[in-house]
Amino acid sequence: MMATLGWIGLGEIGTPMALRLIGAGHRVVVWGRTASRLRPVLDAGAAEAGSPAELAAQCDAVMLCVTDGDAVEEVVFGPRGVAEGARRGSLIVDHSTIHPETARLASRRLRSAGVGWVDAPVSGGAAGAAAATLAIFLGGEAGDVERVRAWVAAYASNVTHMGGVGSGQVAKSCNQAIVASTVGIWAEVIAYARRCGIDPDLLVNALEGGWADSAIRRAHAHDMVAGQFRRTPGLIILKDLDIIGDMARATTSPMPVTSAVTTLYRLLLTQGHETGGLGALMQLYAANAAEPERTPQ
């Protein structure tokens, strides 16, 4: 069934997701502070609201795809926020990656107003959003999740109900730990192969189809060999690793591999390297990579 859906968070992942909703026939209402980010979805047929509250008052559900828990707090509970305008019986669907306890607290705060919460973090990046192949981890009440499934089918091919509110965020933290650890080992072996006299690009190709193959190899390994990475003001993966570190401490879960990889990313920052995409970790190995190639005797 077609619905009126609000969208807040039109970045490189949120924009193709919102466009997919419009393409599926839903009425989409958007809000954002940066006019240039709104233009692609407005041109595609979305309507613009003057505030998150005004947006929420028109919608069956409000979809969020923002940077972190602080941004969620601001757009939902801040002045003229979503909570102020949300209708009884509506939903907030949060595609952001935030702390599970932040999601649970938000759900409790909205419950008395009759507004449901579904955490729905995604994996697959902008390419997955554009191709409608995202994986989505849903956390929420069963009835709410079933309503959401029909909407997120516009941009996701793998949608899993993980449990109650917050469980989707727990699943996303697991995803991020695996992703970051895979990037970490690729950074090591690229530098190792180069020092041993093997062409790292050849290695990347050679591992296709074997047990060491992965989406990380396909999407990032060649760029890591070349020392290319997307430069941005922050390092979002570190925020995600800090979430799983906090949850691990709270649940007394030993996670030595994740802890070690988190330390590598934190070292990247403390040594003054440029921040950005996952491949930025290669900068820690730049000194080794610059040394002459050696072939073991």
C-alpha atoms as a PDB file:
ATOM      1  CA  MET A   1       0.000   0.000   0.000  1.00  0.00           C
ATOM      2  CA  MET A   2       1.194   3.502  -0.804  1.00  0.00           C
ATOM      3  CA  ALA A   3       1.961   5.749   2.157  1.00  0.00           C
ATOM      4  CA  THR A   4       2.994   9.291   2.966  1.00  0.00           C
ATOM      5  CA  LEU A   5       6.534   9.009   4.275  1.00  0.00           C
ATOM      6  CA  GLY A   6       8.794  11.673   5.697  1.00  0.00           C
ATOM      7  CA  TRP A   7      12.533  11.628   5.053  1.00  0.00           C
ATOM      8  CA  ILE A   8      15.252  13.392   7.033  1.00  0.00           C
ATOM      9  CA  GLY A   9      18.889  12.811   6.102  1.00  0.00           C
ATOM     10  CA  LEU A  10      19.668  13.241   2.420  1.00  0.00           C
ATOM     11  CA  GLY A  11      23.316  12.266   2.279  1.00  0.00           C
ATOM     12  CA  GLU A  12      25.034   9.916  -0.145  1.00  0.00           C
ATOM     13  CA  ILE A  13      23.067   6.929   1.200  1.00  0.00           C
ATOM     14  CA  GLY A  14      19.803   8.635   2.193  1.00  0.00           C
ATOM     15  CA  THR A  15      19.243  10.334  -1.165  1.00  0.00           C
ATOM     16  CA  PRO A  16      19.076   7.165  -3.310  1.00  0.00           C
ATOM     17  CA  MET A  17      16.892   5.532  -0.648  1.00  0.00           C
ATOM     18  CA  ALA A  18      14.411   8.421  -0.743  1.00  0.00           C
ATOM     19  CA  LEU A  19      14.455   8.396  -4.542  1.00  0.00           C
ATOM     20  CA  ARG A  20      13.620   4.694  -4.485  1.00  0.00           C
ATOM     21  CA  LEU A  21      10.586   5.399  -2.289  1.00  0.00           C
ATOM     22  CA  ILE A  22       9.390   8.036  -4.740  1.00  0.00           C
ATOM     23  CA  GLY A  23       9.932   5.621  -7.609  1.00  0.00           C
ATOM     24  CA  ALA A  24       7.842   3.006  -5.791  1.00  0.00           C
ATOM     25  CA  GLY A  25       4.891   5.410  -5.757  1.00  0.00           C
ATOM     26  CA  HIS A  26       4.968   6.661  -2.167  1.00  0.00           C
ATOM     27  CA  ARG A  27       4.348  10.319  -1.381  1.00  0.00           C
ATOM     28  CA  VAL A  28       7.594  11.554   0.182  1.00  0.00           C
ATOM     29  CA  VAL A  29       7.970  14.703   2.291  1.00  0.00           C
ATOM     30  CA  VAL A  30      11.503  15.902   3.052  1.00  0.00           C
ATOM     31  CA  TRP A  31      13.194  18.338   5.400  1.00  0.00           C
ATOM     32  CA  GLY A  32      16.803  19.458   5.609  1.00  0.00           C
ATOM     33  CA  ARG A  33      18.974  22.476   6.331  1.00  0.00           C
ATOM     34  CA  THR A  34      20.981  22.352   3.087  1.00  0.00           C
ATOM     35  CA  ALA A  35      18.946  23.290   0.024  1.00  0.00           C
ATOM     36  CA  SER A  36      21.331  21.645  -2.427  1.00  0.00           C
ATOM     37  CA  ARG A  37      20.831  18.250  -0.772  1.00  0.00           C
ATOM     38  CA  LEU A  38      17.060  18.534  -1.147  1.00  0.00           C
ATOM     39  CA  ARG A  39      17.119  19.378  -4.852  1.00  0.00           C
ATOM     40  CA  PRO A  40      17.436  15.831  -6.327  1.00  0.00           C
ATOM     41  CA  VAL A  41      14.439  14.488  -4.394  1.00  0.00           C
ATOM     42  CA  LEU A  42      12.353  17.630  -4.894  1.00  0.00           C
ATOM     43  CA  ASP A  43      13.012  17.398  -8.628  1.00  0.00           C
ATOM     44  CA  ALA A  44      11.863  13.761  -8.473  1.00  0.00           C
ATOM     45  CA  GLY A  45       8.528  14.763  -6.930  1.00  0.00           C
ATOM     46  CA  ALA A  46       9.032  15.023  -3.160  1.00  0.00           C
ATOM     47  CA  ALA A  47       7.351  17.775  -1.144  1.00  0.00           C
ATOM     48  CA  GLU A  48       9.281  20.006   1.259  1.00  0.00           C
ATOM     49  CA  ALA A  49       8.349  20.706   4.887  1.00  0.00           C
ATOM     50  CA  GLY A  50       9.413  23.746   6.885  1.00  0.00           C
ATOM     51  CA  SER A  51      10.477  21.771   9.984  1.00  0.00           C
ATOM     52  CA  PRO A  52      10.679  18.188  11.241  1.00  0.00           C
ATOM     53  CA  ALA A  53       7.449  18.765  13.197  1.00  0.00           C
ATOM     54  CA  GLU A  54       5.631  19.999  10.095  1.00  0.00           C
ATOM     55  CA  LEU A  55       6.928  16.995   8.181  1.00  0.00           C
ATOM     56  CA  ALA A  56       5.821  14.504  10.839  1.00  0.00           C
ATOM     57  CA  ALA A  57       2.300  15.973  11.008  1.00  0.00           C
ATOM     58  CA  GLN A  58       1.713  14.896   7.400  1.00  0.00           C
ATOM     59  CA  CYS A  59       3.197  11.413   7.492  1.00  0.00           C
ATOM     60  CA  ASP A  60       2.393   7.798   8.295  1.00  0.00           C
ATOM     61  CA  ALA A  61       6.052   7.345   9.185  1.00  0.00           C
ATOM     62  CA  VAL A  62       9.216   9.425   9.362  1.00  0.00           C
ATOM     63  CA  MET A  63      12.413   7.845   8.076  1.00  0.00           C
ATOM     64  CA  LEU A  64      15.725   9.063   9.487  1.00  0.00           C
ATOM     65  CA  CYS A  65      19.167   8.571   7.931  1.00  0.00           C
ATOM     66  CA  VAL A  66      21.420  10.927   9.883  1.00  0.00           C
ATOM     67  CA  THR A  67      24.971  10.886  11.201  1.00  0.00           C
ATOM     68  CA  ASP A  68      24.742   9.724  14.808  1.00  0.00           C
ATOM     69  CA  GLY A  69      22.758   9.598  18.040  1.00  0.00           C
ATOM     70  CA  ASP A  70      23.154  13.325  18.687  1.00  0.00           C
ATOM     71  CA  ALA A  71      21.650  14.113  15.281  1.00  0.00           C
ATOM     72  CA  VAL A  72      18.735  11.735  15.976  1.00  0.00           C
ATOM     73  CA  GLU A  73      18.124  13.432  19.326  1.00  0.00           C
ATOM     74  CA  GLU A  74      18.095  16.875  17.714  1.00  0.00           C
ATOM     75  CA  VAL A  75      15.719  16.155  14.820  1.00  0.00           C
ATOM     76  CA  VAL A  76      13.325  14.039  16.902  1.00  0.00           C
ATOM     77  CA  PHE A  77      13.246  15.730  20.298  1.00  0.00           C
ATOM     78  CA  GLY A  78      14.683  19.187  19.609  1.00  0.00           C
ATOM     79  CA  PRO A  79      12.641  22.357  19.031  1.00  0.00           C
ATOM     80  CA  ARG A  80      10.084  21.805  16.256  1.00  0.00           C
ATOM     81  CA  GLY A  81      11.287  18.215  16.148  1.00  0.00           C
ATOM     82  CA  VAL A  82       9.547  15.121  14.831  1.00  0.00           C
ATOM     83  CA  ALA A  83       8.108  14.220  18.248  1.00  0.00           C
ATOM     84  CA  GLU A  84       6.277  17.541  18.391  1.00  0.00           C
ATOM     85  CA  GLY A  85       4.349  16.892  15.199  1.00  0.00           C
ATOM     86  CA  ALA A  86       4.109  13.089  15.007  1.00  0.00           C
ATOM     87  CA  ARG A  87       0.582  11.702  14.825  1.00  0.00           C
ATOM     88  CA  ARG A  88      -0.682   8.979  17.158  1.00  0.00           C
ATOM     89  CA  GLY A  89      -0.251   5.647  15.402  1.00  0.00           C
ATOM     90  CA  SER A  90       2.639   6.835  13.240  1.00  0.00           C
ATOM     91  CA  LEU A  91       6.151   5.388  13.235  1.00  0.00           C
ATOM     92  CA  ILE A  92       9.699   6.643  13.316  1.00  0.00           C
ATOM     93  CA  VAL A  93      12.015   4.401  11.299  1.00  0.00           C
ATOM     94  CA  ASP A  94      15.662   5.105  12.056  1.00  0.00           C
ATOM     95  CA  HIS A  95      18.140   4.041   9.386  1.00  0.00           C
ATOM     96  CA  SER A  96      20.989   5.773  11.248  1.00  0.00           C
ATOM     97  CA  THR A  97      23.626   3.793  13.128  1.00  0.00           C
ATOM     98  CA  ILE A  98      23.294   4.697  16.814  1.00  0.00           C
ATOM     99  CA  HIS A  99      23.767   3.102  20.227  1.00  0.00           C
ATOM    100  CA  PRO A 100      21.109   0.441  20.972  1.00  0.00           C
ATOM    101  CA  GLU A 101      20.312   2.089  24.313  1.00  0.00           C
ATOM    102  CA  THR A 102      19.730   5.411  22.544  1.00  0.00           C
ATOM    103  CA  ALA A 103      17.137   3.701  20.361  1.00  0.00           C
ATOM    104  CA  ARG A 104      15.454   2.078  23.372  1.00  0.00           C
ATOM    105  CA  LEU A 105      15.309   5.356  25.264  1.00  0.00           C
ATOM    106  CA  ALA A 106      13.802   7.151  22.260  1.00  0.00           C
ATOM    107  CA  SER A 107      11.164   4.440  21.959  1.00  0.00           C
ATOM    108  CA  ARG A 108      10.186   4.794  25.617  1.00  0.00           C
ATOM    109  CA  ARG A 109       9.939   8.588  25.338  1.00  0.00           C
ATOM    110  CA  LEU A 110       7.552   8.318  22.383  1.00  0.00           C
ATOM    111  CA  ARG A 111       5.379   5.507  23.705  1.00  0.00           C
ATOM    112  CA  SER A 112       2.951   7.702  25.687  1.00  0.00           C
ATOM    113  CA  ALA A 113       2.246   9.736  22.532  1.00  0.00           C
ATOM    114  CA  GLY A 114       1.326   6.566  20.642  1.00  0.00           C
ATOM    115  CA  VAL A 115       4.290   6.831  18.273  1.00  0.00           C
ATOM    116  CA  GLY A 116       6.187   3.642  17.468  1.00  0.00           C
ATOM    117  CA  TRP A 117       9.919   3.246  16.917  1.00  0.00           C
ATOM    118  CA  VAL A 118      11.715   0.828  14.591  1.00  0.00           C
ATOM    119  CA  ASP A 119      15.487   0.870  14.401  1.00  0.00           C
ATOM    120  CA  ALA A 120      16.484  -0.052  10.863  1.00  0.00           C
ATOM    121  CA  PRO A 121      20.224   0.493  10.268  1.00  0.00           C
ATOM    122  CA  VAL A 122      21.459  -0.469   6.825  1.00  0.00           C
ATOM    123  CA  SER A 123      24.514  -2.052   5.246  1.00  0.00           C
ATOM    124  CA  GLY A 124      25.570  -1.823   1.623  1.00  0.00           C
ATOM    125  CA  GLY A 125      26.454   1.842   1.182  1.00  0.00           C
ATOM    126  CA  ALA A 126      25.343   4.269  -1.478  1.00  0.00           C
ATOM    127  CA  ALA A 127      25.781   1.673  -4.223  1.00  0.00           C
ATOM    128  CA  GLY A 128      23.485  -0.742  -2.404  1.00  0.00           C
ATOM    129  CA  ALA A 129      20.895   1.995  -1.873  1.00  0.00           C
ATOM    130  CA  ALA A 130      20.919   2.933  -5.562  1.00  0.00           C
ATOM    131  CA  ALA A 131      20.662  -0.712  -6.633  1.00  0.00           C
ATOM    132  CA  ALA A 132      17.989  -1.530  -4.003  1.00  0.00           C
ATOM    133  CA  THR A 133      20.170  -4.294  -2.551  1.00  0.00           C
ATOM    134  CA  LEU A 134      20.700  -3.007   0.987  1.00  0.00           C
ATOM    135  CA  ALA A 135      20.642  -5.284   4.006  1.00  0.00           C
ATOM    136  CA  ILE A 136      18.465  -3.863   6.800  1.00  0.00           C
ATOM    137  CA  PHE A 137      18.352  -4.987  10.439  1.00  0.00           C
ATOM    138  CA  LEU A 138      14.976  -4.214  12.019  1.00  0.00           C
ATOM    139  CA  GLY A 139      14.373  -3.817  15.752  1.00  0.00           C
ATOM    140  CA  GLY A 140      10.852  -3.197  17.021  1.00  0.00           C
ATOM    141  CA  GLU A 141       7.414  -4.571  17.790  1.00  0.00           C
ATOM    142  CA  ALA A 142       6.248  -7.212  15.317  1.00  0.00           C
ATOM    143  CA  GLY A 143       3.268  -5.177  14.077  1.00  0.00           C
ATOM    144  CA  ASP A 144       5.386  -2.092  13.498  1.00  0.00           C
ATOM    145  CA  VAL A 145       8.050  -4.111  11.692  1.00  0.00           C
ATOM    146  CA  GLU A 146       5.491  -5.616   9.318  1.00  0.00           C
ATOM    147  CA  ARG A 147       4.318  -2.116   8.331  1.00  0.00           C
ATOM    148  CA  VAL A 148       7.905  -1.068   7.702  1.00  0.00           C
ATOM    149  CA  ARG A 149       8.771  -4.080   5.531  1.00  0.00           C
ATOM    150  CA  ALA A 150       6.498  -2.919   2.724  1.00  0.00           C
ATOM    151  CA  TRP A 151       8.221   0.481   2.612  1.00  0.00           C
ATOM    152  CA  VAL A 152      11.858  -0.541   2.888  1.00  0.00           C
ATOM    153  CA  ALA A 153      11.373  -3.133   0.142  1.00  0.00           C
ATOM    154  CA  ALA A 154      11.870  -0.181  -2.225  1.00  0.00           C
ATOM    155  CA  TYR A 155      15.611  -0.139  -1.461  1.00  0.00           C
ATOM    156  CA  ALA A 156      16.495  -3.353   0.362  1.00  0.00           C
ATOM    157  CA  SER A 157      16.817  -6.958  -0.751  1.00  0.00           C
ATOM    158  CA  ASN A 158      17.573  -8.521   2.651  1.00  0.00           C
ATOM    159  CA  VAL A 159      15.366  -7.384   5.545  1.00  0.00           C
ATOM    160  CA  THR A 160      15.581  -9.206   8.881  1.00  0.00           C
ATOM    161  CA  HIS A 161      13.583  -8.642  12.063  1.00  0.00           C
ATOM    162  CA  MET A 162      16.229  -9.078  14.750  1.00  0.00           C
ATOM    163  CA  GLY A 163      13.969  -8.635  17.807  1.00  0.00           C
ATOM    164  CA  GLY A 164      12.759  -5.756  19.963  1.00  0.00           C
ATOM    165  CA  VAL A 165      13.767  -2.115  19.712  1.00  0.00           C
ATOM    166  CA  GLY A 166      17.561  -1.785  19.800  1.00  0.00           C
ATOM    167  CA  SER A 167      18.263  -5.242  18.413  1.00  0.00           C
ATOM    168  CA  GLY A 168      18.630  -3.878  14.901  1.00  0.00           C
ATOM    169  CA  GLN A 169      21.361  -1.582  16.191  1.00  0.00           C
ATOM    170  CA  VAL A 170      23.069  -4.513  17.930  1.00  0.00           C
ATOM    171  CA  ALA A 171      23.100  -6.384  14.609  1.00  0.00           C
ATOM    172  CA  LYS A 172      24.542  -3.322  12.839  1.00  0.00           C
ATOM    173  CA  SER A 173      27.320  -3.080  15.417  1.00  0.00           C
ATOM    174  CA  CYS A 174      28.210  -6.703  14.617  1.00  0.00           C
ATOM    175  CA  ASN A 175      28.243  -5.818  10.928  1.00  0.00           C
ATOM    176  CA  GLN A 176      30.580  -2.898  11.532  1.00  0.00           C
ATOM    177  CA  ALA A 177      32.976  -4.950  13.635  1.00  0.00           C
ATOM    178  CA  ILE A 178      33.262  -7.512  10.823  1.00  0.00           C
ATOM    179  CA  VAL A 179      33.701  -4.822   8.170  1.00  0.00           C
ATOM    180  CA  ALA A 180      36.367  -2.936  10.119  1.00  0.00           C
ATOM    181  CA  SER A 181      38.258  -6.121  10.970  1.00  0.00           C
ATOM    182  CA  THR A 182      38.224  -7.210   7.324  1.00  0.00           C
ATOM    183  CA  VAL A 183      39.602  -3.830   6.249  1.00  0.00           C
ATOM    184  CA  GLY A 184      42.260  -4.103   8.948  1.00  0.00           C
ATOM    185  CA  ILE A 185      43.544  -7.454   7.733  1.00  0.00           C
ATOM    186  CA  TRP A 186      43.515  -6.266   4.119  1.00  0.00           C
ATOM    187  CA  ALA A 187      45.696  -3.303   5.106  1.00  0.00           C
ATOM    188  CA  GLU A 188      48.168  -5.727   6.694  1.00  0.00           C
ATOM    189  CA  VAL A 189      48.348  -8.210   3.850  1.00  0.00           C
ATOM    190  CA  ILE A 190      48.637  -5.549   1.136  1.00  0.00           C
ATOM    191  CA  ALA A 191      51.716  -4.109   2.842  1.00  0.00           C
ATOM    192  CA  TYR A 192      53.047  -7.633   3.548  1.00  0.00           C
ATOM    193  CA  ALA A 193      52.608  -8.781  -0.068  1.00  0.00           C
ATOM    194  CA  ARG A 194      54.368  -5.682  -1.372  1.00  0.00           C
ATOM    195  CA  ARG A 195      57.344  -6.205   0.945  1.00  0.00           C
ATOM    196  CA  CYS A 196      57.544  -9.843  -0.137  1.00  0.00           C
ATOM    197  CA  GLY A 197      57.757  -8.849  -3.794  1.00  0.00           C
ATOM    198  CA  ILE A 198      54.196  -9.757  -4.813  1.00  0.00           C
ATOM    199  CA  ASP A 199      52.079  -7.289  -6.789  1.00  0.00           C
ATOM    200  CA  PRO A 200      49.245  -6.452  -4.335  1.00  0.00           C
ATOM    201  CA  ASP A 201      46.807  -5.773  -7.178  1.00  0.00           C
ATOM    202  CA  LEU A 202      47.509  -9.252  -8.504  1.00  0.00           C
ATOM    203  CA  LEU A 203      46.840 -10.641  -5.018  1.00  0.00           C
ATOM    204  CA  VAL A 204      43.483  -8.848  -4.853  1.00  0.00           C
ATOM    205  CA  ASN A 205      42.461 -10.465  -8.135  1.00  0.00           C
ATOM    206  CA  ALA A 206      43.844 -13.873  -7.169  1.00  0.00           C
ATOM    207  CA  LEU A 207      41.642 -14.131  -4.072  1.00  0.00           C
ATOM    208  CA  GLU A 208      38.396 -13.699  -5.993  1.00  0.00           C
ATOM    209  CA  GLY A 209      36.113 -16.677  -5.492  1.00  0.00           C
ATOM    210  CA  GLY A 210      38.109 -18.173  -2.634  1.00  0.00           C
ATOM    211  CA  TRP A 211      37.333 -18.177   1.076  1.00  0.00           C
ATOM    212  CA  ALA A 212      39.136 -14.858   1.496  1.00  0.00           C
ATOM    213  CA  ASP A 213      36.804 -13.146  -0.978  1.00  0.00           C
ATOM    214  CA  SER A 214      34.360 -10.543   0.349  1.00  0.00           C
ATOM    215  CA  ALA A 215      32.492  -7.374  -0.499  1.00  0.00           C
ATOM    216  CA  ILE A 216      35.404  -5.490   1.082  1.00  0.00           C
ATOM    217  CA  ARG A 217      37.820  -7.044  -1.425  1.00  0.00           C
ATOM    218  CA  ARG A 218      35.561  -6.081  -4.310  1.00  0.00           C
ATOM    219  CA  ALA A 219      34.777  -2.545  -3.161  1.00  0.00           C
ATOM    220  CA  HIS A 220      37.920  -1.386  -1.384  1.00  0.00           C
ATOM    221  CA  ALA A 221      41.020  -3.550  -1.821  1.00  0.00           C
ATOM    222  CA  HIS A 222      42.280  -2.124  -5.132  1.00  0.00           C
ATOM    223  CA  ASP A 223      41.811   1.431  -3.829  1.00  0.00           C
ATOM    224  CA  MET A 224      43.721   0.474  -0.689  1.00  0.00           C
ATOM    225  CA  VAL A 225      46.590  -0.823  -2.832  1.00  0.00           C
ATOM    226  CA  ALA A 226      46.653   2.526  -4.634  1.00  0.00           C
ATOM    227  CA  GLY A 227      46.425   4.486  -1.388  1.00  0.00           C
ATOM    228  CA  GLN A 228      43.160   6.031  -2.506  1.00  0.00           C
ATOM    229  CA  PHE A 229      40.337   6.713  -0.082  1.00  0.00           C
ATOM    230  CA  ARG A 230      37.422   9.092   0.266  1.00  0.00           C
ATOM    231  CA  ARG A 231      38.539  12.052   2.374  1.00  0.00           C
ATOM    232  CA  THR A 232      35.928  13.351   4.812  1.00  0.00           C
ATOM    233  CA  PRO A 233      36.030  15.488   7.982  1.00  0.00           C
ATOM    234  CA  GLY A 234      35.451  12.534  10.291  1.00  0.00           C
ATOM    235  CA  LEU A 235      35.918   8.803  10.693  1.00  0.00           C
ATOM    236  CA  ILE A 236      32.423   7.390  11.094  1.00  0.00           C
ATOM    237  CA  ILE A 237      33.518   3.771  11.511  1.00  0.00           C
ATOM    238  CA  LEU A 238      35.262   4.699  14.768  1.00  0.00           C
ATOM    239  CA  LYS A 239      31.958   5.950  16.160  1.00  0.00           C
ATOM    240  CA  ASP A 240      30.419   2.587  15.296  1.00  0.00           C
ATOM    241  CA  LEU A 241      33.300   0.639  16.845  1.00  0.00           C
ATOM    242  CA  ASP A 242      32.963   2.661  20.033  1.00  0.00           C
ATOM    243  CA  ILE A 243      29.305   1.594  20.191  1.00  0.00           C
ATOM    244  CA  ILE A 244      30.152  -2.105  20.056  1.00  0.00           C
ATOM    245  CA  GLY A 245      32.979  -1.561  22.543  1.00  0.00           C
ATOM    246  CA  ASP A 246      30.556  -0.001  24.998  1.00  0.00           C
ATOM    247  CA  MET A 247      28.013  -2.791  24.506  1.00  0.00           C
ATOM    248  CA  ALA A 248      30.759  -5.412  24.914  1.00  0.00           C
ATOM    249  CA  ARG A 249      31.762  -3.924  28.263  1.00  0.00           C
ATOM    250  CA  ALA A 250      28.137  -3.749  29.395  1.00  0.00           C
ATOM    251  CA  THR A 251      27.551  -7.414  28.522  1.00  0.00           C
ATOM    252  CA  THR A 252      31.026  -8.646  29.550  1.00  0.00           C
ATOM    253  CA  SER A 253      31.589  -9.926  26.005  1.00  0.00           C
ATOM    254  CA  PRO A 254      35.282 -10.536  25.186  1.00  0.00           C
ATOM    255  CA  MET A 255      36.078  -8.930  21.814  1.00  0.00           C
ATOM    256  CA  PRO A 256      39.873  -8.763  21.474  1.00  0.00           C
ATOM    257  CA  VAL A 257      39.905  -8.612  17.661  1.00  0.00           C
ATOM    258  CA  THR A 258      37.418  -5.739  17.528  1.00  0.00           C
ATOM    259  CA  SER A 259      39.317  -3.971  20.285  1.00  0.00           C
ATOM    260  CA  ALA A 260      42.583  -4.238  18.351  1.00  0.00           C
ATOM    261  CA  VAL A 261      41.024  -2.896  15.158  1.00  0.00           C
ATOM    262  CA  THR A 262      39.432  -0.025  17.093  1.00  0.00           C
ATOM    263  CA  THR A 263      42.889   0.857  18.396  1.00  0.00           C
ATOM    264  CA  LEU A 264      44.223   0.967  14.816  1.00  0.00           C
ATOM    265  CA  TYR A 265      41.540   3.419  13.751  1.00  0.00           C
ATOM    266  CA  ARG A 266      42.107   5.547  16.843  1.00  0.00           C
ATOM    267  CA  LEU A 267      45.851   5.495  16.084  1.00  0.00           C
ATOM    268  CA  LEU A 268      45.037   6.801  12.618  1.00  0.00           C
ATOM    269  CA  LEU A 269      43.541   9.887  14.238  1.00  0.00           C
ATOM    270  CA  THR A 270      46.142  10.410  16.957  1.00  0.00           C
ATOM    271  CA  GLN A 271      49.007  10.254  14.433  1.00  0.00           C
ATOM    272  CA  GLY A 272      47.394  13.041  12.427  1.00  0.00           C
ATOM    273  CA  HIS A 273      46.538  11.083   9.296  1.00  0.00           C
ATOM    274  CA  GLU A 274      43.680  12.150   7.057  1.00  0.00           C
ATOM    275  CA  THR A 275      40.314  10.746   7.987  1.00  0.00           C
ATOM    276  CA  GLY A 276      37.785   9.386   5.574  1.00  0.00           C
ATOM    277  CA  GLY A 277      36.549   6.083   4.243  1.00  0.00           C
ATOM    278  CA  LEU A 278      37.519   2.645   5.435  1.00  0.00           C
ATOM    279  CA  GLY A 279      40.622   2.487   3.250  1.00  0.00           C
ATOM    280  CA  ALA A 280      42.198   5.414   5.107  1.00  0.00           C
ATOM    281  CA  LEU A 281      43.666   2.797   7.430  1.00  0.00           C
ATOM    282  CA  MET A 282      46.310   2.103   4.749  1.00  0.00           C
ATOM    283  CA  GLN A 283      48.094   5.277   5.863  1.00  0.00           C
ATOM    284  CA  LEU A 284      49.364   3.405   8.929  1.00  0.00           C
ATOM    285  CA  TYR A 285      51.296   1.119   6.564  1.00  0.00           C
ATOM    286  CA  ALA A 286      52.584   3.804   4.211  1.00  0.00           C
ATOM    287  CA  ALA A 287      56.105   3.790   5.654  1.00  0.00           C
ATOM    288  CA  ASN A 288      56.385   0.046   5.159  1.00  0.00           C
ATOM    289  CA  ALA A 289      54.923   0.273   1.674  1.00  0.00           C
ATOM    290  CA  ALA A 290      57.504   2.850   0.660  1.00  0.00           C
ATOM    291  CA  GLU A 291      60.433   0.604   1.514  1.00  0.00           C
ATOM    292  CA  PRO A 292      62.144  -1.392  -1.249  1.00  0.00           C
ATOM    293  CA  GLU A 293      60.495  -4.680  -2.099  1.00  0.00           C
ATOM    294  CA  ARG A 294      62.285  -7.671  -0.647  1.00  0.00           C
ATOM    295  CA  THR A 295      62.154 -11.271  -1.690  1.00  0.00           C
ATOM    296  CA  PRO A 296      62.828 -13.784   1.115  1.00  0.00           C
ATOM    297  CA  GLN A 297      66.014 -15.793   0.561  1.00  0.00           C
END
